[in-house]
Amino acid sequence: MKNITVRKLIKALEKDGFILKMQDGSHRTYKHSDGRWVVVPFHHSGKVLPSGTLNSIIKDLNWTNDDLIRPRLTRKG
């Protein structure tokens, strides 16, 4: 996956049920009702996330391929 902006990731998080709990400087913390939480760097909402950062966030979320397809973060196939 590449070319995912912070704005697009946040939309996907909110669509999946994550709620903004706090912001500390340029980082936002989102929490899900099932106990999962994630910190998203928020320097500029239109900035593309580096692939390593994005992969780390996805790993923290325990998202599968289906979870990524639903909010259109990636395509099928």
PDB file of N, CA and C in Angstrom:
ATOM      1  N   MET A   1       0.834  -1.181   0.000  1.00  0.00           N
ATOM      2  CA  MET A   1       0.000   0.000   0.000  1.00  0.00           C
ATOM      3  C   MET A   1       0.874   1.238   0.000  1.00  0.00           C
ATOM      4  N   LYS A   2       0.407   2.213  -0.760  1.00  0.00           N
ATOM      5  CA  LYS A   2       1.135   3.471  -0.790  1.00  0.00           C
ATOM      6  C   LYS A   2       0.163   4.594  -1.109  1.00  0.00           C
ATOM      7  N   ASN A   3       0.632   5.787  -0.959  1.00  0.00           N
ATOM      8  CA  ASN A   3      -0.147   6.990  -1.238  1.00  0.00           C
ATOM      9  C   ASN A   3      -1.410   7.099  -0.402  1.00  0.00           C
ATOM     10  N   ILE A   4      -1.346   6.687   0.857  1.00  0.00           N
ATOM     11  CA  ILE A   4      -2.461   6.837   1.781  1.00  0.00           C
ATOM     12  C   ILE A   4      -2.192   8.085   2.616  1.00  0.00           C
ATOM     13  N   THR A   5      -3.117   9.041   2.548  1.00  0.00           N
ATOM     14  CA  THR A   5      -2.936  10.269   3.325  1.00  0.00           C
ATOM     15  C   THR A   5      -3.452  10.060   4.747  1.00  0.00           C
ATOM     16  N   VAL A   6      -3.010  10.948   5.612  1.00  0.00           N
ATOM     17  CA  VAL A   6      -3.470  10.913   6.999  1.00  0.00           C
ATOM     18  C   VAL A   6      -4.989  11.076   7.027  1.00  0.00           C
ATOM     19  N   ARG A   7      -5.510  11.973   6.223  1.00  0.00           N
ATOM     20  CA  ARG A   7      -6.950  12.217   6.164  1.00  0.00           C
ATOM     21  C   ARG A   7      -7.719  10.944   5.797  1.00  0.00           C
ATOM     22  N   LYS A   8      -7.227  10.219   4.809  1.00  0.00           N
ATOM     23  CA  LYS A   8      -7.895   8.990   4.362  1.00  0.00           C
ATOM     24  C   LYS A   8      -7.837   7.909   5.447  1.00  0.00           C
ATOM     25  N   LEU A   9      -6.710   7.798   6.124  1.00  0.00           N
ATOM     26  CA  LEU A   9      -6.585   6.820   7.208  1.00  0.00           C
ATOM     27  C   LEU A   9      -7.543   7.154   8.342  1.00  0.00           C
ATOM     28  N   ILE A  10      -7.643   8.420   8.701  1.00  0.00           N
ATOM     29  CA  ILE A  10      -8.531   8.831   9.786  1.00  0.00           C
ATOM     30  C   ILE A  10      -9.985   8.550   9.422  1.00  0.00           C
ATOM     31  N   LYS A  11     -10.358   8.801   8.173  1.00  0.00           N
ATOM     32  CA  LYS A  11     -11.722   8.484   7.724  1.00  0.00           C
ATOM     33  C   LYS A  11     -11.995   6.986   7.875  1.00  0.00           C
ATOM     34  N   ALA A  12     -11.017   6.159   7.514  1.00  0.00           N
ATOM     35  CA  ALA A  12     -11.166   4.701   7.628  1.00  0.00           C
ATOM     36  C   ALA A  12     -11.295   4.293   9.096  1.00  0.00           C
ATOM     37  N   LEU A  13     -10.510   4.904   9.970  1.00  0.00           N
ATOM     38  CA  LEU A  13     -10.588   4.600  11.396  1.00  0.00           C
ATOM     39  C   LEU A  13     -11.973   4.938  11.937  1.00  0.00           C
ATOM     40  N   GLU A  14     -12.457   6.132  11.600  1.00  0.00           N
ATOM     41  CA  GLU A  14     -13.763   6.566  12.093  1.00  0.00           C
ATOM     42  C   GLU A  14     -14.885   5.687  11.541  1.00  0.00           C
ATOM     43  N   LYS A  15     -14.739   5.266  10.284  1.00  0.00           N
ATOM     44  CA  LYS A  15     -15.733   4.378   9.674  1.00  0.00           C
ATOM     45  C   LYS A  15     -15.754   3.023  10.385  1.00  0.00           C
ATOM     46  N   ASP A  16     -14.610   2.613  10.905  1.00  0.00           N
ATOM     47  CA  ASP A  16     -14.484   1.334  11.607  1.00  0.00           C
ATOM     48  C   ASP A  16     -14.882   1.448  13.086  1.00  0.00           C
ATOM     49  N   GLY A  17     -15.253   2.648  13.545  1.00  0.00           N
ATOM     50  CA  GLY A  17     -15.724   2.816  14.914  1.00  0.00           C
ATOM     51  C   GLY A  17     -14.730   3.430  15.880  1.00  0.00           C
ATOM     52  N   PHE A  18     -13.594   3.901  15.390  1.00  0.00           N
ATOM     53  CA  PHE A  18     -12.611   4.535  16.262  1.00  0.00           C
ATOM     54  C   PHE A  18     -13.034   5.975  16.539  1.00  0.00           C
ATOM     55  N   ILE A  19     -12.776   6.431  17.759  1.00  0.00           N
ATOM     56  CA  ILE A  19     -13.138   7.777  18.177  1.00  0.00           C
ATOM     57  C   ILE A  19     -11.874   8.488  18.657  1.00  0.00           C
ATOM     58  N   LEU A  20     -11.745   9.751  18.261  1.00  0.00           N
ATOM     59  CA  LEU A  20     -10.616  10.558  18.713  1.00  0.00           C
ATOM     60  C   LEU A  20     -10.729  10.761  20.214  1.00  0.00           C
ATOM     61  N   LYS A  21      -9.701  10.337  20.950  1.00  0.00           N
ATOM     62  CA  LYS A  21      -9.705  10.463  22.404  1.00  0.00           C
ATOM     63  C   LYS A  21      -8.852  11.631  22.880  1.00  0.00           C
ATOM     64  N   MET A  22      -7.751  11.871  22.188  1.00  0.00           N
ATOM     65  CA  MET A  22      -6.891  12.987  22.590  1.00  0.00           C
ATOM     66  C   MET A  22      -5.919  13.350  21.486  1.00  0.00           C
ATOM     67  N   GLN A  23      -5.404  14.558  21.577  1.00  0.00           N
ATOM     68  CA  GLN A  23      -4.358  15.000  20.662  1.00  0.00           C
ATOM     69  C   GLN A  23      -3.247  15.590  21.504  1.00  0.00           C
ATOM     70  N   ASP A  24      -2.041  15.133  21.242  1.00  0.00           N
ATOM     71  CA  ASP A  24      -0.867  15.620  21.958  1.00  0.00           C
ATOM     72  C   ASP A  24       0.120  16.119  20.918  1.00  0.00           C
ATOM     73  N   GLY A  25       0.155  17.405  20.722  1.00  0.00           N
ATOM     74  CA  GLY A  25       1.027  17.964  19.692  1.00  0.00           C
ATOM     75  C   GLY A  25       0.559  17.529  18.323  1.00  0.00           C
ATOM     76  N   SER A  26       1.431  16.856  17.587  1.00  0.00           N
ATOM     77  CA  SER A  26       1.095  16.455  16.224  1.00  0.00           C
ATOM     78  C   SER A  26       0.688  14.982  16.136  1.00  0.00           C
ATOM     79  N   HIS A  27       0.228  14.419  17.229  1.00  0.00           N
ATOM     80  CA  HIS A  27      -0.218  13.024  17.241  1.00  0.00           C
ATOM     81  C   HIS A  27      -1.620  12.929  17.838  1.00  0.00           C
ATOM     82  N   ARG A  28      -2.469  12.146  17.164  1.00  0.00           N
ATOM     83  CA  ARG A  28      -3.825  11.931  17.626  1.00  0.00           C
ATOM     84  C   ARG A  28      -3.982  10.487  18.071  1.00  0.00           C
ATOM     85  N   THR A  29      -4.675  10.298  19.184  1.00  0.00           N
ATOM     86  CA  THR A  29      -4.936   8.966  19.702  1.00  0.00           C
ATOM     87  C   THR A  29      -6.404   8.630  19.486  1.00  0.00           C
ATOM     88  N   TYR A  30      -6.638   7.497  18.812  1.00  0.00           N
ATOM     89  CA  TYR A  30      -7.985   7.016  18.534  1.00  0.00           C
ATOM     90  C   TYR A  30      -8.205   5.719  19.299  1.00  0.00           C
ATOM     91  N   LYS A  31      -9.432   5.555  19.812  1.00  0.00           N
ATOM     92  CA  LYS A  31      -9.758   4.348  20.568  1.00  0.00           C
ATOM     93  C   LYS A  31     -11.039   3.730  20.023  1.00  0.00           C
ATOM     94  N   HIS A  32     -11.085   2.401  20.043  1.00  0.00           N
ATOM     95  CA  HIS A  32     -12.252   1.643  19.601  1.00  0.00           C
ATOM     96  C   HIS A  32     -12.943   1.075  20.832  1.00  0.00           C
ATOM     97  N   SER A  33     -14.236   0.837  20.728  1.00  0.00           N
ATOM     98  CA  SER A  33     -14.993   0.310  21.870  1.00  0.00           C
ATOM     99  C   SER A  33     -14.528  -1.080  22.304  1.00  0.00           C
ATOM    100  N   ASP A  34     -13.849  -1.812  21.403  1.00  0.00           N
ATOM    101  CA  ASP A  34     -13.353  -3.149  21.766  1.00  0.00           C
ATOM    102  C   ASP A  34     -11.997  -3.108  22.471  1.00  0.00           C
ATOM    103  N   GLY A  35     -11.491  -1.896  22.725  1.00  0.00           N
ATOM    104  CA  GLY A  35     -10.250  -1.759  23.474  1.00  0.00           C
ATOM    105  C   GLY A  35      -9.023  -1.432  22.635  1.00  0.00           C
ATOM    106  N   ARG A  36      -9.125  -1.607  21.323  1.00  0.00           N
ATOM    107  CA  ARG A  36      -7.982  -1.261  20.469  1.00  0.00           C
ATOM    108  C   ARG A  36      -7.784   0.241  20.469  1.00  0.00           C
ATOM    109  N   TRP A  37      -6.536   0.659  20.355  1.00  0.00           N
ATOM    110  CA  TRP A  37      -6.235   2.071  20.212  1.00  0.00           C
ATOM    111  C   TRP A  37      -5.032   2.233  19.304  1.00  0.00           C
ATOM    112  N   VAL A  38      -4.910   3.412  18.719  1.00  0.00           N
ATOM    113  CA  VAL A  38      -3.817   3.671  17.792  1.00  0.00           C
ATOM    114  C   VAL A  38      -3.464   5.155  17.835  1.00  0.00           C
ATOM    115  N   VAL A  39      -2.191   5.434  17.647  1.00  0.00           N
ATOM    116  CA  VAL A  39      -1.703   6.808  17.576  1.00  0.00           C
ATOM    117  C   VAL A  39      -1.368   7.107  16.122  1.00  0.00           C
ATOM    118  N   VAL A  40      -1.910   8.213  15.611  1.00  0.00           N
ATOM    119  CA  VAL A  40      -1.710   8.600  14.217  1.00  0.00           C
ATOM    120  C   VAL A  40      -0.950   9.924  14.180  1.00  0.00           C
ATOM    121  N   PRO A  41       0.185   9.973  13.464  1.00  0.00           N
ATOM    122  CA  PRO A  41       0.891  11.247  13.317  1.00  0.00           C
ATOM    123  C   PRO A  41       0.045  12.194  12.473  1.00  0.00           C
ATOM    124  N   PHE A  42      -0.160  13.412  12.961  1.00  0.00           N
ATOM    125  CA  PHE A  42      -1.026  14.356  12.269  1.00  0.00           C
ATOM    126  C   PHE A  42      -0.286  15.676  12.083  1.00  0.00           C
ATOM    127  N   HIS A  43       0.713  15.649  11.194  1.00  0.00           N
ATOM    128  CA  HIS A  43       1.460  16.867  10.914  1.00  0.00           C
ATOM    129  C   HIS A  43       0.685  17.724   9.917  1.00  0.00           C
ATOM    130  N   HIS A  44       0.234  17.106   8.849  1.00  0.00           N
ATOM    131  CA  HIS A  44      -0.615  17.740   7.845  1.00  0.00           C
ATOM    132  C   HIS A  44      -1.579  16.675   7.346  1.00  0.00           C
ATOM    133  N   SER A  45      -2.871  16.988   7.323  1.00  0.00           N
ATOM    134  CA  SER A  45      -3.863  15.963   6.994  1.00  0.00           C
ATOM    135  C   SER A  45      -3.724  15.431   5.570  1.00  0.00           C
ATOM    136  N   GLY A  46      -3.156  16.215   4.663  1.00  0.00           N
ATOM    137  CA  GLY A  46      -3.000  15.778   3.278  1.00  0.00           C
ATOM    138  C   GLY A  46      -1.687  15.077   3.004  1.00  0.00           C
ATOM    139  N   LYS A  47      -0.852  14.949   4.029  1.00  0.00           N
ATOM    140  CA  LYS A  47       0.461  14.326   3.858  1.00  0.00           C
ATOM    141  C   LYS A  47       0.331  12.813   3.713  1.00  0.00           C
ATOM    142  N   VAL A  48       1.078  12.252   2.771  1.00  0.00           N
ATOM    143  CA  VAL A  48       1.096  10.801   2.569  1.00  0.00           C
ATOM    144  C   VAL A  48       1.946  10.170   3.670  1.00  0.00           C
ATOM    145  N   LEU A  49       1.392   9.130   4.291  1.00  0.00           N
ATOM    146  CA  LEU A  49       2.112   8.428   5.357  1.00  0.00           C
ATOM    147  C   LEU A  49       3.240   7.586   4.778  1.00  0.00           C
ATOM    148  N   PRO A  50       4.413   7.614   5.390  1.00  0.00           N
ATOM    149  CA  PRO A  50       5.484   6.716   4.955  1.00  0.00           C
ATOM    150  C   PRO A  50       5.022   5.268   5.114  1.00  0.00           C
ATOM    151  N   SER A  51       5.446   4.404   4.216  1.00  0.00           N
ATOM    152  CA  SER A  51       4.960   3.019   4.210  1.00  0.00           C
ATOM    153  C   SER A  51       5.247   2.298   5.526  1.00  0.00           C
ATOM    154  N   GLY A  52       6.394   2.525   6.130  1.00  0.00           N
ATOM    155  CA  GLY A  52       6.721   1.873   7.398  1.00  0.00           C
ATOM    156  C   GLY A  52       5.784   2.297   8.517  1.00  0.00           C
ATOM    157  N   THR A  53       5.449   3.579   8.559  1.00  0.00           N
ATOM    158  CA  THR A  53       4.522   4.101   9.566  1.00  0.00           C
ATOM    159  C   THR A  53       3.140   3.510   9.347  1.00  0.00           C
ATOM    160  N   LEU A  54       2.687   3.504   8.099  1.00  0.00           N
ATOM    161  CA  LEU A  54       1.375   2.958   7.761  1.00  0.00           C
ATOM    162  C   LEU A  54       1.286   1.476   8.114  1.00  0.00           C
ATOM    163  N   ASN A  55       2.306   0.708   7.762  1.00  0.00           N
ATOM    164  CA  ASN A  55       2.322  -0.726   8.069  1.00  0.00           C
ATOM    165  C   ASN A  55       2.292  -0.966   9.577  1.00  0.00           C
ATOM    166  N   SER A  56       2.987  -0.133  10.335  1.00  0.00           N
ATOM    167  CA  SER A  56       3.004  -0.263  11.787  1.00  0.00           C
ATOM    168  C   SER A  56       1.620   0.021  12.369  1.00  0.00           C
ATOM    169  N   ILE A  57       0.948   1.043  11.862  1.00  0.00           N
ATOM    170  CA  ILE A  57      -0.400   1.378  12.328  1.00  0.00           C
ATOM    171  C   ILE A  57      -1.359   0.232  12.020  1.00  0.00           C
ATOM    172  N   ILE A  58      -1.284  -0.309  10.795  1.00  0.00           N
ATOM    173  CA  ILE A  58      -2.165  -1.411  10.392  1.00  0.00           C
ATOM    174  C   ILE A  58      -1.919  -2.640  11.268  1.00  0.00           C
ATOM    175  N   LYS A  59      -0.662  -2.897  11.583  1.00  0.00           N
ATOM    176  CA  LYS A  59      -0.320  -4.027  12.449  1.00  0.00           C
ATOM    177  C   LYS A  59      -0.898  -3.812  13.848  1.00  0.00           C
ATOM    178  N   ASP A  60      -0.789  -2.585  14.376  1.00  0.00           N
ATOM    179  CA  ASP A  60      -1.343  -2.279  15.696  1.00  0.00           C
ATOM    180  C   ASP A  60      -2.859  -2.459  15.731  1.00  0.00           C
ATOM    181  N   LEU A  61      -3.522  -2.183  14.598  1.00  0.00           N
ATOM    182  CA  LEU A  61      -4.976  -2.283  14.515  1.00  0.00           C
ATOM    183  C   LEU A  61      -5.461  -3.716  14.336  1.00  0.00           C
ATOM    184  N   ASN A  62      -4.554  -4.628  13.963  1.00  0.00           N
ATOM    185  CA  ASN A  62      -4.916  -6.015  13.634  1.00  0.00           C
ATOM    186  C   ASN A  62      -5.896  -6.065  12.466  1.00  0.00           C
ATOM    187  N   TRP A  63      -5.751  -5.151  11.516  1.00  0.00           N
ATOM    188  CA  TRP A  63      -6.608  -5.122  10.334  1.00  0.00           C
ATOM    189  C   TRP A  63      -6.171  -6.190   9.341  1.00  0.00           C
ATOM    190  N   THR A  64      -7.150  -6.853   8.726  1.00  0.00           N
ATOM    191  CA  THR A  64      -6.890  -7.844   7.688  1.00  0.00           C
ATOM    192  C   THR A  64      -7.042  -7.168   6.326  1.00  0.00           C
ATOM    193  N   ASN A  65      -6.822  -7.933   5.249  1.00  0.00           N
ATOM    194  CA  ASN A  65      -7.021  -7.397   3.900  1.00  0.00           C
ATOM    195  C   ASN A  65      -8.450  -6.909   3.720  1.00  0.00           C
ATOM    196  N   ASP A  66      -9.425  -7.657   4.242  1.00  0.00           N
ATOM    197  CA  ASP A  66     -10.832  -7.251   4.128  1.00  0.00           C
ATOM    198  C   ASP A  66     -11.079  -5.927   4.849  1.00  0.00           C
ATOM    199  N   ASP A  67     -10.421  -5.737   5.975  1.00  0.00           N
ATOM    200  CA  ASP A  67     -10.569  -4.479   6.713  1.00  0.00           C
ATOM    201  C   ASP A  67     -10.026  -3.306   5.907  1.00  0.00           C
ATOM    202  N   LEU A  68      -9.028  -3.561   5.075  1.00  0.00           N
ATOM    203  CA  LEU A  68      -8.439  -2.494   4.265  1.00  0.00           C
ATOM    204  C   LEU A  68      -9.249  -2.214   3.010  1.00  0.00           C
ATOM    205  N   ILE A  69      -9.946  -3.228   2.505  1.00  0.00           N
ATOM    206  CA  ILE A  69     -10.749  -3.062   1.288  1.00  0.00           C
ATOM    207  C   ILE A  69     -12.020  -2.278   1.589  1.00  0.00           C
ATOM    208  N   ARG A  70     -12.637  -2.562   2.728  1.00  0.00           N
ATOM    209  CA  ARG A  70     -13.910  -1.926   3.084  1.00  0.00           C
ATOM    210  C   ARG A  70     -13.842  -0.399   3.019  1.00  0.00           C
ATOM    211  N   PRO A  71     -12.858   0.261   3.655  1.00  0.00           N
ATOM    212  CA  PRO A  71     -12.806   1.726   3.557  1.00  0.00           C
ATOM    213  C   PRO A  71     -12.016   2.217   2.335  1.00  0.00           C
ATOM    214  N   ARG A  72     -11.751   1.290   1.418  1.00  0.00           N
ATOM    215  CA  ARG A  72     -11.066   1.601   0.163  1.00  0.00           C
ATOM    216  C   ARG A  72      -9.636   2.105   0.371  1.00  0.00           C
ATOM    217  N   LEU A  73      -8.967   1.528   1.351  1.00  0.00           N
ATOM    218  CA  LEU A  73      -7.545   1.829   1.527  1.00  0.00           C
ATOM    219  C   LEU A  73      -6.714   1.027   0.539  1.00  0.00           C
ATOM    220  N   THR A  74      -7.266  -0.076   0.079  1.00  0.00           N
ATOM    221  CA  THR A  74      -6.605  -0.890  -0.932  1.00  0.00           C
ATOM    222  C   THR A  74      -7.681  -1.532  -1.792  1.00  0.00           C
ATOM    223  N   ARG A  75      -7.254  -2.131  -2.897  1.00  0.00           N
ATOM    224  CA  ARG A  75      -8.199  -2.764  -3.804  1.00  0.00           C
ATOM    225  C   ARG A  75      -8.125  -4.264  -3.671  1.00  0.00           C
ATOM    226  N   LYS A  76      -9.198  -4.927  -4.119  1.00  0.00           N
ATOM    227  CA  LYS A  76      -9.210  -6.385  -4.138  1.00  0.00           C
ATOM    228  C   LYS A  76      -8.206  -6.899  -5.150  1.00  0.00           C
ATOM    229  N   GLY A  77      -7.629  -8.037  -4.825  1.00  0.00           N
ATOM    230  CA  GLY A  77      -6.779  -8.675  -5.826  1.00  0.00           C
ATOM    231  C   GLY A  77      -5.403  -8.682  -5.495  1.00  0.00           C
TER     232      GLY A  77
END
